[in-house]
Protein backbone atom coordinates (compact mmCIF):
# COMPACT_ATOMS: atom_id res chain seq x y z
CA MET A 1 116.53 151.63 49.67
CA ASN A 2 112.96 150.28 50.63
CA ASP A 3 112.90 147.50 52.92
CA THR A 4 109.54 145.61 53.02
CA THR A 5 110.33 143.46 55.96
CA MET A 6 108.39 144.75 59.02
CA THR A 7 109.75 144.69 62.61
CA PRO A 8 107.73 143.12 65.31
CA ALA A 9 106.96 146.77 66.69
CA GLU A 10 105.76 147.74 63.29
CA GLU A 11 103.59 144.67 62.97
CA SER A 12 102.08 145.50 66.42
CA ALA A 13 101.38 148.80 65.40
CA GLU A 14 99.50 147.96 62.31
CA ALA A 15 97.65 145.41 64.41
CA ALA A 16 96.56 148.00 66.76
CA ALA A 17 95.46 150.22 63.98
CA GLY A 18 93.26 147.40 62.90
CA LYS A 19 95.34 146.38 59.94
CA PRO A 20 95.97 142.55 59.60
CA SER A 21 99.68 141.59 60.13
CA LEU A 22 101.87 139.97 57.48
CA LEU A 23 101.46 136.81 59.27
CA ALA A 24 97.69 137.04 59.29
CA ARG A 25 97.82 137.89 55.51
CA LEU A 26 99.87 134.81 54.78
CA GLU A 27 97.41 132.62 56.90
CA LYS A 28 94.65 133.93 54.87
CA TRP A 29 96.21 132.61 51.67
CA ARG A 30 97.21 129.30 52.97
CA PRO A 31 94.05 127.44 52.15
CA MET A 32 94.09 128.70 48.50
CA VAL A 33 97.58 127.69 48.14
CA ALA A 34 96.81 124.31 49.75
CA TYR A 35 93.88 123.96 47.22
CA GLN A 36 95.91 124.74 44.32
CA GLY A 37 98.57 122.20 45.39
CA LEU A 38 95.87 119.57 45.93
CA SER A 39 94.42 120.13 42.56
CA LEU A 40 97.78 120.02 40.82
CA GLY A 41 98.49 116.78 42.63
CA LEU A 42 95.32 115.21 41.44
CA VAL A 43 95.67 116.34 37.92
CA CYS A 44 99.19 114.62 37.85
CA ALA A 45 97.74 111.43 39.54
CA VAL A 46 94.88 111.39 36.92
CA VAL A 47 97.28 111.73 33.97
CA ALA A 48 99.55 109.07 35.39
CA LEU A 49 96.64 106.71 35.82
CA LEU A 50 95.44 107.30 32.28
CA LEU A 51 98.97 106.62 30.77
CA LEU A 52 99.22 103.55 32.88
CA THR A 53 95.77 102.27 31.81
CA GLY A 54 96.73 102.93 28.21
CA ASN A 55 99.79 101.16 28.33
CA ILE A 56 98.12 98.20 29.93
CA MET A 57 95.57 98.18 27.29
CA THR A 58 97.84 98.56 24.16
CA HIS A 59 100.74 96.08 25.56
CA GLY A 60 98.94 92.97 24.49
CA THR A 61 98.18 94.56 21.00
CA ILE A 62 101.67 95.67 20.47
CA ALA A 63 103.13 92.38 21.47
CA GLU A 64 100.96 90.59 19.23
CA GLN A 65 101.71 92.89 16.40
CA GLN A 66 105.45 92.38 16.95
CA MET A 67 104.79 88.53 16.99
CA GLN A 68 102.95 88.88 13.59
CA ASP A 69 105.56 90.95 12.13
CA ARG A 70 108.31 88.37 13.23
CA LEU A 71 106.21 85.54 11.95
CA ALA A 72 105.78 87.18 8.53
CA THR A 73 109.63 87.73 8.33
CA LEU A 74 110.30 84.06 9.44
CA ARG A 75 108.07 82.74 6.57
CA GLU A 76 110.13 84.85 4.11
CA VAL A 77 113.37 83.04 4.98
CA LEU A 78 112.05 79.60 5.95
CA PRO A 79 109.85 77.50 3.64
CA GLN A 80 106.77 76.23 5.26
CA SER A 81 107.44 72.74 3.73
CA LEU A 82 110.37 72.37 6.27
CA TYR A 83 108.38 72.44 9.52
CA ASP A 84 105.38 71.31 11.26
CA ASN A 85 106.26 72.89 14.61
CA ASN A 86 106.10 76.51 15.87
CA PRO A 87 109.58 77.69 15.60
CA LEU A 88 108.66 80.83 17.53
CA ALA A 89 107.28 78.97 20.51
CA ASP A 90 110.07 76.37 20.56
CA GLY A 91 112.84 78.90 20.52
CA PHE A 92 115.78 78.52 22.93
CA LYS A 93 118.91 80.43 23.60
CA VAL A 94 122.62 79.34 22.99
CA GLN A 95 125.52 81.05 24.59
CA ASP A 96 128.38 81.61 21.96
CA ALA A 97 131.93 82.63 22.62
CA GLU A 98 131.82 85.24 19.80
CA LEU A 99 128.27 86.47 19.54
CA GLY A 100 127.25 86.16 23.01
CA GLU A 101 123.62 84.91 23.71
CA VAL A 102 121.70 83.95 20.45
CA GLU A 103 118.21 83.08 20.26
CA VAL A 104 117.74 80.05 17.99
CA LEU A 105 114.25 79.20 16.42
CA PRO A 106 114.38 75.54 15.44
CA ALA A 107 112.32 74.10 12.37
CA ARG A 108 111.34 70.59 12.74
CA LEU A 109 109.52 68.20 10.53
CA GLN A 110 108.08 65.11 12.22
CA GLY A 111 110.47 65.83 15.20
CA LYS A 112 113.75 66.03 13.04
CA LEU A 113 115.60 69.24 12.88
CA THR A 114 115.51 70.57 9.37
CA ALA A 115 116.69 74.13 9.76
CA VAL A 116 117.43 76.95 12.39
CA VAL A 117 116.62 80.61 12.17
CA PHE A 118 118.55 83.15 14.18
CA GLN A 119 119.01 87.06 14.33
CA GLY A 120 122.19 88.95 14.11
CA SER A 121 123.48 92.49 13.64
CA ASN A 122 126.42 94.55 12.75
CA ILE A 123 126.74 98.43 12.61
CA GLY A 124 126.13 99.96 9.25
CA TYR A 125 126.45 103.61 8.22
CA GLY A 126 123.47 104.78 10.24
CA GLY A 127 123.59 102.19 12.98
CA PRO A 128 122.72 98.60 13.74
CA ILE A 129 121.39 96.47 10.93
CA GLU A 130 119.17 93.88 12.34
CA GLN A 131 118.95 90.72 10.33
CA MET A 132 117.19 87.38 10.26
CA MET A 133 118.52 84.37 8.42
CA ALA A 134 117.58 80.59 7.99
CA VAL A 135 120.14 77.95 7.70
CA ASP A 136 119.30 74.31 6.76
CA ALA A 137 120.62 71.38 8.69
CA GLN A 138 123.53 70.96 6.09
CA GLY A 139 124.62 74.56 6.78
CA LYS A 140 123.13 76.23 3.47
CA ILE A 141 121.30 79.51 3.56
CA LEU A 142 117.60 79.39 2.99
CA GLY A 143 117.02 83.04 3.23
CA VAL A 144 118.27 86.28 4.69
CA ARG A 145 115.98 89.34 5.59
CA VAL A 146 116.79 92.87 7.18
CA LEU A 147 114.46 93.41 10.10
CA ALA A 148 115.46 97.10 11.01
CA HIS A 149 117.94 99.44 10.00
CA LYS A 150 118.61 103.38 9.79
CA GLU A 151 120.70 103.37 6.49
CA THR A 152 120.38 106.25 4.01
CA PRO A 153 116.87 106.11 2.07
CA GLY A 154 117.51 105.81 -1.65
CA LEU A 155 120.90 104.95 -1.25
CA ALA A 156 121.51 102.02 1.01
CA ASP A 157 118.20 100.69 1.55
CA LYS A 158 118.64 98.22 -1.22
CA ILE A 159 119.27 95.66 1.52
CA GLU A 160 115.43 95.45 1.90
CA ALA A 161 113.79 92.78 -0.09
CA SER A 162 111.16 95.16 -1.00
CA ARG A 163 113.68 97.57 -2.69
CA SER A 164 115.71 95.11 -4.56
CA ASP A 165 116.81 91.42 -4.98
CA TRP A 166 120.28 92.13 -3.59
CA ILE A 167 119.64 90.30 -0.29
CA LYS A 168 118.65 87.23 -2.04
CA VAL A 169 122.11 86.62 -3.39
CA PHE A 170 122.90 84.50 -0.21
CA ASP A 171 120.30 81.97 -0.86
CA GLY A 172 121.94 78.66 -1.26
CA LEU A 173 125.39 79.74 -0.20
CA SER A 174 127.30 77.96 2.55
CA LEU A 175 130.78 77.68 4.08
CA GLU A 176 131.48 74.62 1.84
CA ASN A 177 130.54 76.27 -1.55
CA THR A 178 131.87 79.64 -0.86
CA ALA A 179 135.48 80.45 0.07
CA LEU A 180 136.08 82.25 3.36
CA ASP A 181 137.84 84.95 1.46
CA LYS A 182 134.67 85.56 -0.89
CA TRP A 183 132.61 86.57 2.01
CA LYS A 184 133.35 90.35 1.33
CA VAL A 185 132.03 92.98 -0.92
CA LYS A 186 133.82 93.36 -4.27
CA LYS A 187 135.56 96.52 -3.19
CA ASP A 188 137.35 94.44 -0.42
CA GLY A 189 138.05 91.53 -2.84
CA GLY A 190 134.97 89.46 -2.23
CA GLN A 191 132.08 88.36 -4.44
CA PHE A 192 129.24 90.48 -3.23
CA ASP A 193 128.28 93.68 -5.00
CA GLN A 194 128.40 96.86 -2.95
CA PHE A 195 126.13 100.02 -3.62
CA ALA A 196 127.38 103.11 -5.32
CA GLY A 197 128.40 105.43 -2.53
CA ALA A 198 127.21 103.01 0.28
CA THR A 199 129.86 100.33 0.77
CA ILE A 200 129.61 100.25 4.42
CA THR A 201 125.95 99.11 4.49
CA PRO A 202 126.45 95.77 2.36
CA ARG A 203 129.78 95.28 4.00
CA ALA A 204 127.80 94.94 7.44
CA VAL A 205 125.18 92.54 5.93
CA VAL A 206 127.77 90.28 4.46
CA LYS A 207 129.68 90.27 7.80
CA THR A 208 126.41 89.41 9.66
CA VAL A 209 125.62 86.62 7.33
CA LEU A 210 128.98 85.02 7.45
CA GLN A 211 128.95 85.22 11.33
CA GLY A 212 125.60 83.44 11.17
CA LEU A 213 127.06 80.52 9.05
CA GLN A 214 130.01 80.28 11.48
CA PHE A 215 127.64 80.24 14.48
CA GLN A 216 125.60 77.33 13.05
CA THR A 217 128.89 75.37 12.31
CA ARG A 218 130.13 75.83 15.76
CA HIS A 219 126.90 74.62 17.33
CA ALA A 220 125.65 72.12 14.84
CA GLU A 221 125.62 69.10 17.18
CA GLN A 222 124.08 71.07 19.94
CA LEU A 223 121.31 72.43 17.76
CA LYS A 224 120.31 68.91 16.77
CA ALA A 225 120.28 67.82 20.42
CA GLU A 226 117.91 70.61 21.51
């Protein structure tokens, strides 16, 4: 077995013979190792700075785009004739015993509350289905739209208004004109169509819409006072 470790006597012998000791050889390489370490550190610092700068520069653009997307969806569920305020700017939060904290976007016309818009979600087949819905002051649905989902393309994406008119079936419905036991898909004894091979998706959407109507009913007086 070869042992590359040198004893002090062997190092002294090499030094006496004019050969640099192991310690001396290590000392020789130390500046190069330090230089490489410094270079790597500088590269990491530059990359981090570039990422931070890019995030700062695009943050405002991303936020603005998100606001525009939300505003576009808002206009799909809430007729512009019903408000002269900015619902997004006037939004407030309501604590609900069942749904937790809910952001409410009020629509007002000449200071009078005409409708409220809020978001909700339930788990579909592929994950949460985020929805936005508008309800007028009398508790009637003005519109419902899906904001985001991960449901199966070509099978369950009929919940999107761009794919089919299914989501518009809720327009005009309320807790007064639709019995509670009808807020289900037909497979469960309700009145809403399900999709062939994709019952879970519309079931989740219907549940969220019902929860939204019930939320509006529970907080009707509070919403008017805000």
